[in-house]
């Protein structure tokens, strides 16, 4: 499957996010990323592969067509989406945010509605499997997105997922 060049950002270069980012940049896609401040050495290998480390979620969103979130849970997702120096500050029509975090359904629905007001698509795509499969590009994901958005993001998901289940909007 051929992937149209897209600028991809990953927020959360931890146990799962690192593997996601590594597989994306290793496949030649332009990648920017934001790591946790508490992990000063994280991401050096991504930079060596051509990734660009940025300093805020706002910067990642401004540099990306698709932003993948891989943070702990709903409070962290809400913060990177609508907190200080957040994604919404660089929001623009056509931006797609894919949340792979373990998030609360009510929070996800509220974020989807808030982003829609800015022309941003918010996709729920939680992951299954472990950091080992993340590094190997063999994660599983269950994706909540419209058919049109799913068609747009599926090639990106295939960069780090073995099994992808489109479960509806």
C-alpha atoms as a PDB file:
ATOM      1  CA  UNK A   1       0.000   0.000   0.000  1.00  0.00           C
ATOM      2  CA  UNK A   2       1.429   3.386  -0.996  1.00  0.00           C
ATOM      3  CA  UNK A   3       1.170   6.138   1.563  1.00  0.00           C
ATOM      4  CA  UNK A   4       0.844   9.746   0.517  1.00  0.00           C
ATOM      5  CA  UNK A   5       3.448  11.850   2.287  1.00  0.00           C
ATOM      6  CA  UNK A   6       1.956  13.158   5.502  1.00  0.00           C
ATOM      7  CA  UNK A   7       3.647  15.016   8.268  1.00  0.00           C
ATOM      8  CA  UNK A   8       3.077  12.891  11.359  1.00  0.00           C
ATOM      9  CA  UNK A   9       3.523  13.920  14.968  1.00  0.00           C
ATOM     10  CA  UNK A  10       3.629  11.636  17.989  1.00  0.00           C
ATOM     11  CA  UNK A  11       3.010  12.939  21.486  1.00  0.00           C
ATOM     12  CA  UNK A  12       4.143  10.487  24.141  1.00  0.00           C
ATOM     13  CA  UNK A  13       7.407   8.685  23.431  1.00  0.00           C
ATOM     14  CA  UNK A  14       7.014   6.133  26.199  1.00  0.00           C
ATOM     15  CA  UNK A  15       6.707   2.359  26.240  1.00  0.00           C
ATOM     16  CA  UNK A  16       4.147   2.206  23.406  1.00  0.00           C
ATOM     17  CA  UNK A  17       4.641   5.595  21.740  1.00  0.00           C
ATOM     18  CA  UNK A  18       8.320   4.990  21.084  1.00  0.00           C
ATOM     19  CA  UNK A  19       7.571   1.923  18.968  1.00  0.00           C
ATOM     20  CA  UNK A  20       4.838   3.773  17.086  1.00  0.00           C
ATOM     21  CA  UNK A  21       7.170   6.680  16.312  1.00  0.00           C
ATOM     22  CA  UNK A  22      10.110   4.429  15.428  1.00  0.00           C
ATOM     23  CA  UNK A  23       8.080   2.443  12.921  1.00  0.00           C
ATOM     24  CA  UNK A  24       6.699   5.594  11.295  1.00  0.00           C
ATOM     25  CA  UNK A  25      10.055   7.349  10.864  1.00  0.00           C
ATOM     26  CA  UNK A  26      11.780   4.109   9.789  1.00  0.00           C
ATOM     27  CA  UNK A  27       9.268   3.882   6.924  1.00  0.00           C
ATOM     28  CA  UNK A  28      10.370   7.291   5.649  1.00  0.00           C
ATOM     29  CA  UNK A  29       7.490   9.422   6.907  1.00  0.00           C
ATOM     30  CA  UNK A  30       8.295  12.916   8.168  1.00  0.00           C
ATOM     31  CA  UNK A  31       8.005  12.714  11.967  1.00  0.00           C
ATOM     32  CA  UNK A  32       8.010  15.207  14.798  1.00  0.00           C
ATOM     33  CA  UNK A  33       7.578  14.164  18.392  1.00  0.00           C
ATOM     34  CA  UNK A  34       7.157  15.348  21.948  1.00  0.00           C
ATOM     35  CA  UNK A  35       8.640  13.320  24.767  1.00  0.00           C
ATOM     36  CA  UNK A  36       8.080  13.482  28.499  1.00  0.00           C
ATOM     37  CA  UNK A  37      10.304  16.001  30.219  1.00  0.00           C
ATOM     38  CA  UNK A  38      11.174  13.330  32.792  1.00  0.00           C
ATOM     39  CA  UNK A  39      12.818  11.166  30.099  1.00  0.00           C
ATOM     40  CA  UNK A  40      15.760  13.309  28.917  1.00  0.00           C
ATOM     41  CA  UNK A  41      17.390  10.600  26.776  1.00  0.00           C
ATOM     42  CA  UNK A  42      14.201   9.356  25.103  1.00  0.00           C
ATOM     43  CA  UNK A  43      14.006   9.939  21.384  1.00  0.00           C
ATOM     44  CA  UNK A  44      17.713  10.136  20.516  1.00  0.00           C
ATOM     45  CA  UNK A  45      17.286   7.125  18.224  1.00  0.00           C
ATOM     46  CA  UNK A  46      14.289   8.801  16.560  1.00  0.00           C
ATOM     47  CA  UNK A  47      16.382  11.887  15.820  1.00  0.00           C
ATOM     48  CA  UNK A  48      19.107   9.627  14.367  1.00  0.00           C
ATOM     49  CA  UNK A  49      16.458   8.182  12.011  1.00  0.00           C
ATOM     50  CA  UNK A  50      15.355  11.669  10.900  1.00  0.00           C
ATOM     51  CA  UNK A  51      12.696  12.534  13.485  1.00  0.00           C
ATOM     52  CA  UNK A  52      12.478  16.038  14.902  1.00  0.00           C
ATOM     53  CA  UNK A  53      11.980  16.614  18.610  1.00  0.00           C
ATOM     54  CA  UNK A  54       9.721  19.566  19.433  1.00  0.00           C
ATOM     55  CA  UNK A  55       9.035  21.223  22.768  1.00  0.00           C
ATOM     56  CA  UNK A  56       5.226  21.423  23.001  1.00  0.00           C
ATOM     57  CA  UNK A  57       2.040  19.790  21.781  1.00  0.00           C
ATOM     58  CA  UNK A  58       1.253  23.062  19.990  1.00  0.00           C
ATOM     59  CA  UNK A  59       4.518  22.821  18.022  1.00  0.00           C
ATOM     60  CA  UNK A  60       3.843  19.186  17.110  1.00  0.00           C
ATOM     61  CA  UNK A  61       0.342  20.054  15.868  1.00  0.00           C
ATOM     62  CA  UNK A  62       1.652  23.009  13.843  1.00  0.00           C
ATOM     63  CA  UNK A  63       4.234  20.742  12.172  1.00  0.00           C
ATOM     64  CA  UNK A  64       1.845  17.844  11.478  1.00  0.00           C
ATOM     65  CA  UNK A  65      -1.074  16.735   9.334  1.00  0.00           C
ATOM     66  CA  UNK A  66      -1.781  13.831  11.701  1.00  0.00           C
ATOM     67  CA  UNK A  67      -0.990  13.836  15.422  1.00  0.00           C
ATOM     68  CA  UNK A  68      -0.911  10.528  17.309  1.00  0.00           C
ATOM     69  CA  UNK A  69      -1.390  10.688  21.071  1.00  0.00           C
ATOM     70  CA  UNK A  70       0.063   7.922  23.215  1.00  0.00           C
ATOM     71  CA  UNK A  71      -0.163   9.260  26.743  1.00  0.00           C
ATOM     72  CA  UNK A  72      -1.378   7.718  29.990  1.00  0.00           C
ATOM     73  CA  UNK A  73      -5.097   8.506  30.140  1.00  0.00           C
ATOM     74  CA  UNK A  74      -7.883  11.070  29.848  1.00  0.00           C
ATOM     75  CA  UNK A  75      -6.347  13.801  32.073  1.00  0.00           C
ATOM     76  CA  UNK A  76      -3.154  13.756  29.988  1.00  0.00           C
ATOM     77  CA  UNK A  77      -5.087  13.608  26.701  1.00  0.00           C
ATOM     78  CA  UNK A  78      -7.217  16.585  27.755  1.00  0.00           C
ATOM     79  CA  UNK A  79      -4.102  18.516  28.768  1.00  0.00           C
ATOM     80  CA  UNK A  80      -2.194  18.019  25.502  1.00  0.00           C
ATOM     81  CA  UNK A  81      -5.366  18.756  23.520  1.00  0.00           C
ATOM     82  CA  UNK A  82      -6.723  21.822  25.347  1.00  0.00           C
ATOM     83  CA  UNK A  83      -4.206  22.853  28.040  1.00  0.00           C
ATOM     84  CA  UNK A  84      -1.319  25.300  27.854  1.00  0.00           C
ATOM     85  CA  UNK A  85       0.773  25.040  24.644  1.00  0.00           C
ATOM     86  CA  UNK A  86      -1.726  22.459  23.414  1.00  0.00           C
ATOM     87  CA  UNK A  87      -2.855  21.053  20.099  1.00  0.00           C
ATOM     88  CA  UNK A  88      -5.900  23.334  19.883  1.00  0.00           C
ATOM     89  CA  UNK A  89      -3.596  26.377  19.806  1.00  0.00           C
ATOM     90  CA  UNK A  90      -2.361  25.188  16.381  1.00  0.00           C
ATOM     91  CA  UNK A  91      -5.684  23.691  15.294  1.00  0.00           C
ATOM     92  CA  UNK A  92      -6.658  24.060  11.664  1.00  0.00           C
ATOM     93  CA  UNK A  93      -9.202  22.504   9.347  1.00  0.00           C
ATOM     94  CA  UNK A  94      -8.021  19.101   8.152  1.00  0.00           C
ATOM     95  CA  UNK A  95      -5.793  18.271  11.116  1.00  0.00           C
ATOM     96  CA  UNK A  96      -6.415  14.733  12.399  1.00  0.00           C
ATOM     97  CA  UNK A  97      -5.697  13.751  16.000  1.00  0.00           C
ATOM     98  CA  UNK A  98      -5.549  10.005  16.715  1.00  0.00           C
ATOM     99  CA  UNK A  99      -5.796   9.098  20.388  1.00  0.00           C
ATOM    100  CA  UNK A 100      -4.251   5.705  21.149  1.00  0.00           C
ATOM    101  CA  UNK A 101      -4.352   6.283  24.918  1.00  0.00           C
ATOM    102  CA  UNK A 102      -6.497   4.435  27.428  1.00  0.00           C
ATOM    103  CA  UNK A 103      -9.133   7.136  27.761  1.00  0.00           C
ATOM    104  CA  UNK A 104     -12.601   7.498  29.258  1.00  0.00           C
ATOM    105  CA  UNK A 105     -15.359   7.285  26.594  1.00  0.00           C
ATOM    106  CA  UNK A 106     -17.138  10.408  27.882  1.00  0.00           C
ATOM    107  CA  UNK A 107     -13.910  12.406  27.705  1.00  0.00           C
ATOM    108  CA  UNK A 108     -13.224  11.128  24.195  1.00  0.00           C
ATOM    109  CA  UNK A 109     -16.718  12.118  23.019  1.00  0.00           C
ATOM    110  CA  UNK A 110     -16.354  15.595  24.534  1.00  0.00           C
ATOM    111  CA  UNK A 111     -12.936  16.101  22.929  1.00  0.00           C
ATOM    112  CA  UNK A 112     -14.308  14.997  19.550  1.00  0.00           C
ATOM    113  CA  UNK A 113     -17.052  17.648  19.805  1.00  0.00           C
ATOM    114  CA  UNK A 114     -14.649  20.387  20.926  1.00  0.00           C
ATOM    115  CA  UNK A 115     -12.188  19.649  18.128  1.00  0.00           C
ATOM    116  CA  UNK A 116     -14.986  19.542  15.529  1.00  0.00           C
ATOM    117  CA  UNK A 117     -15.602  23.233  16.282  1.00  0.00           C
ATOM    118  CA  UNK A 118     -12.078  23.868  14.940  1.00  0.00           C
ATOM    119  CA  UNK A 119     -12.391  21.612  11.873  1.00  0.00           C
ATOM    120  CA  UNK A 120     -10.184  18.969  13.511  1.00  0.00           C
ATOM    121  CA  UNK A 121     -11.029  15.253  13.366  1.00  0.00           C
ATOM    122  CA  UNK A 122     -10.523  13.425  16.664  1.00  0.00           C
ATOM    123  CA  UNK A 123     -10.157   9.659  16.247  1.00  0.00           C
ATOM    124  CA  UNK A 124     -10.405   7.117  19.050  1.00  0.00           C
ATOM    125  CA  UNK A 125      -7.942   4.272  18.353  1.00  0.00           C
ATOM    126  CA  UNK A 126      -6.953   2.441  21.541  1.00  0.00           C
ATOM    127  CA  UNK A 127      -4.228  -0.164  21.329  1.00  0.00           C
ATOM    128  CA  UNK A 128      -3.858  -3.781  22.327  1.00  0.00           C
ATOM    129  CA  UNK A 129      -0.669  -5.801  22.864  1.00  0.00           C
ATOM    130  CA  UNK A 130       2.592  -4.827  24.539  1.00  0.00           C
ATOM    131  CA  UNK A 131       5.625  -2.561  24.099  1.00  0.00           C
ATOM    132  CA  UNK A 132       7.416  -5.505  22.421  1.00  0.00           C
ATOM    133  CA  UNK A 133       4.808  -5.556  19.638  1.00  0.00           C
ATOM    134  CA  UNK A 134       4.922  -1.736  19.507  1.00  0.00           C
ATOM    135  CA  UNK A 135       8.643  -1.887  18.682  1.00  0.00           C
ATOM    136  CA  UNK A 136       7.962  -4.596  16.077  1.00  0.00           C
ATOM    137  CA  UNK A 137       5.116  -2.622  14.468  1.00  0.00           C
ATOM    138  CA  UNK A 138       2.621  -5.358  15.353  1.00  0.00           C
ATOM    139  CA  UNK A 139       0.086  -3.620  17.567  1.00  0.00           C
ATOM    140  CA  UNK A 140      -3.669  -4.109  17.352  1.00  0.00           C
ATOM    141  CA  UNK A 141      -6.033  -1.145  17.241  1.00  0.00           C
ATOM    142  CA  UNK A 142      -9.781  -0.588  17.328  1.00  0.00           C
ATOM    143  CA  UNK A 143     -10.630   2.587  15.427  1.00  0.00           C
ATOM    144  CA  UNK A 144     -13.607   4.872  15.827  1.00  0.00           C
ATOM    145  CA  UNK A 145     -13.702   7.174  12.801  1.00  0.00           C
ATOM    146  CA  UNK A 146     -15.925   7.998   9.858  1.00  0.00           C
ATOM    147  CA  UNK A 147     -15.322   5.926   6.728  1.00  0.00           C
ATOM    148  CA  UNK A 148     -13.638   8.882   4.996  1.00  0.00           C
ATOM    149  CA  UNK A 149     -11.263   9.613   7.889  1.00  0.00           C
ATOM    150  CA  UNK A 150     -10.525   5.914   8.373  1.00  0.00           C
ATOM    151  CA  UNK A 151      -9.535   5.625   4.689  1.00  0.00           C
ATOM    152  CA  UNK A 152      -7.209   8.595   5.179  1.00  0.00           C
ATOM    153  CA  UNK A 153      -5.471   7.262   8.293  1.00  0.00           C
ATOM    154  CA  UNK A 154      -5.413   3.525   7.620  1.00  0.00           C
ATOM    155  CA  UNK A 155      -2.060   3.649   5.757  1.00  0.00           C
ATOM    156  CA  UNK A 156      -0.507   5.405   8.761  1.00  0.00           C
ATOM    157  CA  UNK A 157      -1.992   2.882  11.190  1.00  0.00           C
ATOM    158  CA  UNK A 158      -0.533   0.071   9.082  1.00  0.00           C
ATOM    159  CA  UNK A 159       2.942   1.458   9.783  1.00  0.00           C
ATOM    160  CA  UNK A 160       2.703   0.316  13.397  1.00  0.00           C
ATOM    161  CA  UNK A 161      -0.267  -2.083  13.577  1.00  0.00           C
ATOM    162  CA  UNK A 162      -0.642  -5.688  12.510  1.00  0.00           C
ATOM    163  CA  UNK A 163      -4.425  -5.832  13.035  1.00  0.00           C
ATOM    164  CA  UNK A 164      -6.756  -2.861  12.520  1.00  0.00           C
ATOM    165  CA  UNK A 165     -10.464  -3.020  13.309  1.00  0.00           C
ATOM    166  CA  UNK A 166     -12.662  -0.159  12.083  1.00  0.00           C
ATOM    167  CA  UNK A 167     -15.517  -0.327  14.582  1.00  0.00           C
ATOM    168  CA  UNK A 168     -17.609   2.586  13.315  1.00  0.00           C
ATOM    169  CA  UNK A 169     -17.732   6.334  13.697  1.00  0.00           C
END
